[in-house]
C-alpha cells in the first residue's frame, strides 16, 4: 500500500466520525473546484503554493468548518472561503509574496484598501465577499489576516508591539463588553493567535452573524490552529516574535476557557453541530497539541455538551 492510500484511508475514517459526512465532503470538494476554477480564470494561480500548509490539510479544515451548516450551498461557500482564505493569507504573511507591505501598513485601517492593494488577488477577495450573507464579517476577517502578516513581518519589536495592540483593539471593537473584559489581560502577542482562526470569516456564510459569538469561537480554536503548523512556520521563518515571549501553553488554555464560557451563554441552535465540529478538530489535530491544550479541549467539549442539554 502506498503512503497516499494510507493517508486517504485515515482521512476517510476521520471524516466518517461525523454524521452525514458524505454530503459535507461532497460539498467541500465542489467548493474547492469552484475556488480552483476562479483562480485559474483570473490568472492568479497556482491555487496552492504554501510551504507550510499541505493542500490536503485545507480540505480537512474546510470539512471541519462546514460541519455547522444548513445545506449544500452553505457547505460549498464555507469550502470556498477556507481555500480562499489560505490563498489570500499566503499573499499577506509571506515575505516573498507581500510586495506592498509598506502600503498595506499605511492603509491597514481599511480592509477594502488592503484588498485593492492586492490587485487581482484582492479582486478575488471581493468576489468571495459578494457571495457571503454577512459581508462585514468577511471584511473584518480580512483586516485581521492582514494584521497577522504585518505582525510577523515586523522588523523590530516597537513596530510589532504597535500592530499587536492595534489588532487587539480592532478585533474586540464590536464584541460584548463582558468578553472584552475577560480578554483584557491576555498579552497582545498571545492574542495574536486569533489571527489564525478568524471565525467571523466563516460565520459570514451563515444566515445569522453575531460578532461576539464569532469571537468566542475564534478564541476557542486559535490555539489549535497556532499549534498545528507552528513548527513548520518556525522553520520557514514565518514566526517572528521580535524578542517577545511566544504564546505560552497556559495562555492557550486560558483563551480556550474564556471562549468556552462565552459560547455556553449563547442561545445558538447550531450548538450541537458546533460541538461535533469541536470534537472533529480535536481528533484531526491529535498529537499536534501540547498535553495541557488537548486536555483543555476535552474539558471544554464536556462543558459545551452539558450546556447543549
Protein backbone atom coordinates (compact mmCIF):
# COMPACT_ATOMS: atom_id res chain seq x y z
CA UNK A 1 0.00 0.00 0.00
CA UNK A 2 1.41 3.41 -0.98
CA UNK A 3 1.55 6.25 1.57
CA UNK A 4 -1.17 8.24 -0.22
CA UNK A 5 -3.59 5.32 0.10
CA UNK A 6 -2.83 5.13 3.82
CA UNK A 7 -3.45 8.85 4.13
CA UNK A 8 -6.76 8.61 2.25
CA UNK A 9 -7.96 5.74 4.44
CA UNK A 10 -7.01 7.63 7.59
CA UNK A 11 -8.91 10.70 6.39
CA UNK A 12 -11.93 8.65 5.40
CA UNK A 13 -12.02 7.14 8.89
CA UNK A 14 -11.75 10.61 10.41
CA UNK A 15 -14.49 12.07 8.21
CA UNK A 16 -16.81 9.15 8.92
CA UNK A 17 -16.99 10.11 12.62
CA UNK A 18 -19.28 12.99 11.59
CA UNK A 19 -22.96 12.26 10.86
CA UNK A 20 -23.78 12.98 7.21
CA UNK A 21 -20.10 13.24 6.33
CA UNK A 22 -20.59 12.17 2.71
CA UNK A 23 -22.73 15.21 1.89
CA UNK A 24 -20.31 17.54 3.69
CA UNK A 25 -17.31 16.08 1.86
CA UNK A 26 -19.10 16.33 -1.50
CA UNK A 27 -19.88 19.99 -0.86
CA UNK A 28 -16.32 20.71 0.27
CA UNK A 29 -14.93 19.25 -2.95
CA UNK A 30 -17.41 21.15 -5.10
CA UNK A 31 -16.34 24.34 -3.30
CA UNK A 32 -12.69 23.53 -3.90
CA UNK A 33 -13.45 23.07 -7.60
CA UNK A 34 -15.18 26.46 -7.76
CA UNK A 35 -12.23 28.05 -5.96
CA UNK A 36 -9.68 26.48 -8.33
CA UNK A 37 -11.72 27.45 -11.40
CA UNK A 38 -11.96 31.05 -10.21
CA UNK A 39 -8.22 31.28 -9.50
CA UNK A 40 -7.43 29.82 -12.92
CA UNK A 41 -9.91 32.10 -14.71
CA UNK A 42 -8.39 35.16 -13.04
CA UNK A 43 -4.81 34.07 -13.80
CA UNK A 44 -3.69 34.40 -10.19
CA UNK A 45 -2.68 30.78 -9.53
CA UNK A 46 -1.38 28.36 -8.61
CA UNK A 47 -4.21 27.53 -6.26
CA UNK A 48 -1.79 26.40 -3.57
CA UNK A 49 1.80 27.47 -3.00
CA UNK A 50 2.30 27.45 0.77
CA UNK A 51 5.45 25.74 2.01
CA UNK A 52 3.97 25.15 5.48
CA UNK A 53 0.34 24.18 4.81
CA UNK A 54 -0.09 20.98 2.73
CA UNK A 55 -3.01 21.28 0.34
CA UNK A 56 -4.65 18.21 1.84
CA UNK A 57 -4.79 19.95 5.22
CA UNK A 58 -7.00 22.65 3.72
CA UNK A 59 -9.63 20.04 2.83
CA UNK A 60 -9.67 18.82 6.44
CA UNK A 61 -10.14 22.39 7.67
CA UNK A 62 -12.85 23.06 5.08
CA UNK A 63 -14.65 19.90 6.18
CA UNK A 64 -14.43 20.91 9.85
CA UNK A 65 -15.66 24.44 9.17
CA UNK A 66 -18.59 23.11 7.15
CA UNK A 67 -19.96 20.80 9.84
CA UNK A 68 -22.34 23.51 11.16
CA UNK A 69 -24.43 24.04 8.04
CA UNK A 70 -27.99 24.30 6.79
CA UNK A 71 -27.46 22.66 3.42
CA UNK A 72 -25.16 22.12 0.47
CA UNK A 73 -24.94 25.78 -0.62
CA UNK A 74 -23.53 26.81 2.74
CA UNK A 75 -21.05 23.92 2.70
CA UNK A 76 -19.83 24.95 -0.74
CA UNK A 77 -19.48 28.58 0.35
CA UNK A 78 -17.58 27.69 3.53
CA UNK A 79 -15.28 25.47 1.48
CA UNK A 80 -14.58 28.31 -0.97
CA UNK A 81 -13.91 30.63 1.96
CA UNK A 82 -11.47 28.17 3.52
CA UNK A 83 -9.47 27.67 0.34
CA UNK A 84 -9.73 31.36 -0.49
CA UNK A 85 -8.56 32.44 2.96
CA UNK A 86 -5.45 30.28 2.74
CA UNK A 87 -4.78 31.63 -0.75
CA UNK A 88 -5.13 35.30 0.26
CA UNK A 89 -3.29 34.79 3.54
CA UNK A 90 -0.27 33.47 1.65
CA UNK A 91 0.00 36.88 -0.01
CA UNK A 92 -0.27 38.69 3.32
CA UNK A 93 2.11 36.78 5.59
CA UNK A 94 4.83 35.77 3.13
CA UNK A 95 7.88 37.99 2.78
CA UNK A 96 8.37 36.61 -0.73
CA UNK A 97 4.85 37.48 -1.94
CA UNK A 98 3.94 40.55 0.08
CA UNK A 99 5.46 43.21 -2.16
CA UNK A 100 3.35 46.04 -0.73
CA UNK A 101 4.00 45.69 2.98
CA UNK A 102 4.53 49.43 3.48
CA UNK A 103 1.36 50.34 1.59
CA UNK A 104 -0.68 47.75 3.47
CA UNK A 105 0.65 49.13 6.73
CA UNK A 106 -0.28 52.68 5.70
CA UNK A 107 -3.81 51.56 4.78
CA UNK A 108 -4.33 48.94 7.49
CA UNK A 109 -7.39 50.72 8.87
CA UNK A 110 -9.37 49.76 5.76
CA UNK A 111 -9.86 46.13 4.66
CA UNK A 112 -11.20 47.46 1.36
CA UNK A 113 -7.94 49.32 0.69
CA UNK A 114 -5.96 46.25 1.71
CA UNK A 115 -7.76 44.19 -0.94
CA UNK A 116 -7.28 46.96 -3.51
CA UNK A 117 -3.54 46.84 -2.87
CA UNK A 118 -3.52 43.10 -3.60
CA UNK A 119 -4.66 43.75 -7.17
CA UNK A 120 -6.22 40.72 -8.86
CA UNK A 121 -5.86 38.69 -5.66
CA UNK A 122 -7.83 41.38 -3.85
CA UNK A 123 -10.41 41.28 -6.63
CA UNK A 124 -10.83 37.60 -5.91
CA UNK A 125 -11.34 38.50 -2.25
CA UNK A 126 -14.11 40.92 -3.19
CA UNK A 127 -15.69 38.17 -5.28
CA UNK A 128 -15.73 35.90 -2.22
CA UNK A 129 -17.20 38.68 -0.09
CA UNK A 130 -20.04 39.16 -2.59
CA UNK A 131 -21.05 35.53 -2.10
CA UNK A 132 -21.39 35.78 1.69
CA UNK A 133 -24.53 36.71 3.58
CA UNK A 134 -22.67 38.86 6.13
CA UNK A 135 -20.01 40.86 4.29
CA UNK A 136 -18.97 42.89 7.36
CA UNK A 137 -17.78 39.64 8.94
CA UNK A 138 -15.75 38.81 5.85
CA UNK A 139 -14.03 42.19 5.75
CA UNK A 140 -13.23 42.14 9.45
CA UNK A 141 -11.53 38.77 8.90
CA UNK A 142 -9.50 40.19 6.00
CA UNK A 143 -8.28 43.04 8.19
CA UNK A 144 -7.24 40.63 10.94
CA UNK A 145 -5.44 38.41 8.43
CA UNK A 146 -3.58 41.48 7.19
CA UNK A 147 -2.54 42.30 10.74
CA UNK A 148 -1.34 38.74 11.13
CA UNK A 149 1.05 39.35 8.25
CA UNK A 150 2.13 42.79 9.46
CA UNK A 151 2.88 41.40 12.92
CA UNK A 152 5.00 38.53 11.66
CA UNK A 153 6.83 40.61 9.05
CA UNK A 154 7.68 43.42 11.51
CA UNK A 155 11.36 44.36 11.52
CA UNK A 156 11.55 45.45 15.16
CA UNK A 157 9.80 44.98 18.48
CA UNK A 158 8.47 48.52 18.68
CA UNK A 159 6.64 48.24 15.35
CA UNK A 160 5.38 44.77 16.16
CA UNK A 161 4.02 45.97 19.51
CA UNK A 162 2.07 48.75 17.78
CA UNK A 163 0.49 46.23 15.39
CA UNK A 164 -0.27 43.80 18.22
CA UNK A 165 -2.09 46.46 20.25
CA UNK A 166 -3.99 47.76 17.25
CA UNK A 167 -5.08 44.30 16.20
CA UNK A 168 -6.48 43.51 19.62
CA UNK A 169 -8.45 46.75 19.66
CA UNK A 170 -9.90 46.19 16.17
CA UNK A 171 -10.79 42.56 16.84
CA UNK A 172 -12.66 43.37 20.05
CA UNK A 173 -14.27 46.63 18.95
CA UNK A 174 -17.68 45.17 18.09
CA UNK A 175 -17.93 42.40 20.68
CA UNK A 176 -19.78 42.42 24.01
CA UNK A 177 -18.12 44.21 26.91
CA UNK A 178 -18.12 41.05 29.03
CA UNK A 179 -15.92 39.28 26.51
CA UNK A 180 -13.70 42.33 26.08
CA UNK A 181 -13.21 42.46 29.83
CA UNK A 182 -12.30 38.77 30.01
CA UNK A 183 -9.57 39.04 27.38
CA UNK A 184 -8.23 42.39 28.59
CA UNK A 185 -5.43 40.72 30.50
CA UNK A 186 -4.29 38.44 27.68
CA UNK A 187 -0.95 39.58 26.28
CA UNK A 188 -1.35 41.03 22.79
CA UNK A 189 1.29 38.59 21.50
CA UNK A 190 -0.81 35.70 22.82
CA UNK A 191 -3.99 37.26 21.43
CA UNK A 192 -2.19 37.35 18.06
CA UNK A 193 -3.04 33.62 17.80
CA UNK A 194 -6.60 34.65 16.94
CA UNK A 195 -5.39 35.84 13.51
CA UNK A 196 -5.04 32.12 12.74
CA UNK A 197 -8.71 31.37 13.38
CA UNK A 198 -10.84 34.43 12.30
CA UNK A 199 -14.15 32.61 12.69
CA UNK A 200 -16.07 35.70 11.56
CA UNK A 201 -14.96 34.73 8.04
CA UNK A 202 -16.97 31.51 8.23
CA UNK A 203 -19.84 32.92 10.26
CA UNK A 204 -20.21 35.37 7.36
CA UNK A 205 -21.60 32.47 5.31
CA UNK A 206 -24.35 31.77 7.86
CA UNK A 207 -27.82 33.37 7.98
CA UNK A 208 -27.11 35.00 11.36
CA UNK A 209 -23.89 36.72 12.42
CA UNK A 210 -23.06 37.76 15.97
CA UNK A 211 -19.53 39.18 16.31
CA UNK A 212 -19.33 38.15 19.96
CA UNK A 213 -20.19 34.52 19.23
CA UNK A 214 -17.75 34.51 16.31
CA UNK A 215 -15.03 35.90 18.56
CA UNK A 216 -15.75 33.34 21.28
CA UNK A 217 -15.22 30.54 18.75
CA UNK A 218 -12.12 32.30 17.43
CA UNK A 219 -10.68 32.21 20.95
CA UNK A 220 -11.70 28.58 21.25
CA UNK A 221 -9.95 27.44 18.07
CA UNK A 222 -6.93 29.71 17.83
CA UNK A 223 -4.56 27.53 19.94
CA UNK A 224 -5.27 24.51 17.74
CA UNK A 225 -4.64 26.47 14.54
CA UNK A 226 -1.50 28.01 16.00
CA UNK A 227 -0.04 24.73 17.23
CA UNK A 228 -0.93 22.82 14.09
CA UNK A 229 1.70 24.44 11.88
CA UNK A 230 3.92 26.27 14.37
CA UNK A 231 6.99 24.00 13.88
CA UNK A 232 6.79 24.32 10.10
CA UNK A 233 6.24 28.08 10.28
CA UNK A 234 9.21 28.48 12.62
CA UNK A 235 11.45 26.58 10.19
CA UNK A 236 10.16 28.70 7.30
CA UNK A 237 10.83 31.91 9.23
CA UNK A 238 7.13 32.84 9.37
CA UNK A 239 7.01 33.11 13.16
CA UNK A 240 8.82 36.23 14.34
CA UNK A 241 8.17 37.47 17.86
CA UNK A 242 10.90 40.14 17.94
CA UNK A 243 12.15 39.46 21.44
CA UNK A 244 8.71 38.88 22.94
CA UNK A 245 7.90 35.55 24.53
CA UNK A 246 5.77 33.47 22.17
CA UNK A 247 2.30 32.32 23.30
CA UNK A 248 2.60 30.03 26.30
CA UNK A 249 0.65 26.85 26.97
CA UNK A 250 -1.08 28.42 29.98
CA UNK A 251 -2.28 31.28 27.76
CA UNK A 252 -3.62 28.83 25.21
CA UNK A 253 -5.60 27.07 27.91
CA UNK A 254 -6.85 30.43 29.15
CA UNK A 255 -8.27 31.54 25.79
CA UNK A 256 -9.97 28.16 25.28
CA UNK A 257 -11.62 28.51 28.68
CA UNK A 258 -12.71 32.11 28.03
CA UNK A 259 -14.15 31.18 24.65
CA UNK A 260 -16.00 28.22 26.16
CA UNK A 261 -17.52 30.28 28.96
CA UNK A 262 -18.98 32.77 26.50
CA UNK A 263 -20.11 30.17 23.95
CA UNK A 264 -22.21 28.35 26.53
CA UNK A 265 -24.09 31.57 27.33
CA UNK A 266 -25.45 31.94 23.80
CA UNK A 267 -28.75 30.56 22.57
CA UNK A 268 -27.33 29.02 19.44
CA UNK A 269 -29.44 26.47 17.57
CA UNK A 270 -26.29 25.22 15.87
CA UNK A 271 -24.50 24.44 19.13
CA UNK A 272 -24.88 20.64 18.78
CA UNK A 273 -23.27 20.77 15.33
CA UNK A 274 -20.57 23.11 16.59
CA UNK A 275 -19.80 20.63 19.38
CA UNK A 276 -19.46 17.90 16.74
CA UNK A 277 -17.14 20.27 14.91
CA UNK A 278 -15.03 20.77 18.05
CA UNK A 279 -14.75 17.03 18.55
CA UNK A 280 -13.68 16.56 14.95
CA UNK A 281 -10.99 19.24 15.28
CA UNK A 282 -9.64 17.56 18.42
CA UNK A 283 -9.35 14.26 16.55
CA UNK A 284 -7.83 15.91 13.47
CA UNK A 285 -5.13 17.70 15.49
CA UNK A 286 -4.43 14.79 17.80
CA UNK A 287 -0.72 14.56 18.51
CA UNK A 288 -0.08 18.13 17.35
CA UNK A 289 -1.22 19.86 20.54
CA UNK A 290 0.54 20.22 23.92
CA UNK A 291 -0.99 17.94 26.54
CA UNK A 292 -2.45 20.84 28.50
CA UNK A 293 -4.15 22.25 25.41
CA UNK A 294 -5.51 18.85 24.42
CA UNK A 295 -6.89 18.38 27.93
CA UNK A 296 -8.46 21.85 27.82
CA UNK A 297 -10.31 20.96 24.61
CA UNK A 298 -11.64 17.75 26.13
CA UNK A 299 -12.85 19.63 29.19
CA UNK A 300 -14.41 22.36 27.04
CA UNK A 301 -16.27 19.81 24.95
CA UNK A 302 -17.78 18.38 28.14
CA UNK A 303 -18.86 21.84 29.31
CA UNK A 304 -20.50 22.60 25.97
CA UNK A 305 -22.27 19.27 25.79
CA UNK A 306 -23.76 19.95 29.20
CA UNK A 307 -24.83 23.43 28.08
CA UNK A 308 -26.47 21.95 24.98
CA UNK A 309 -28.51 19.65 27.20
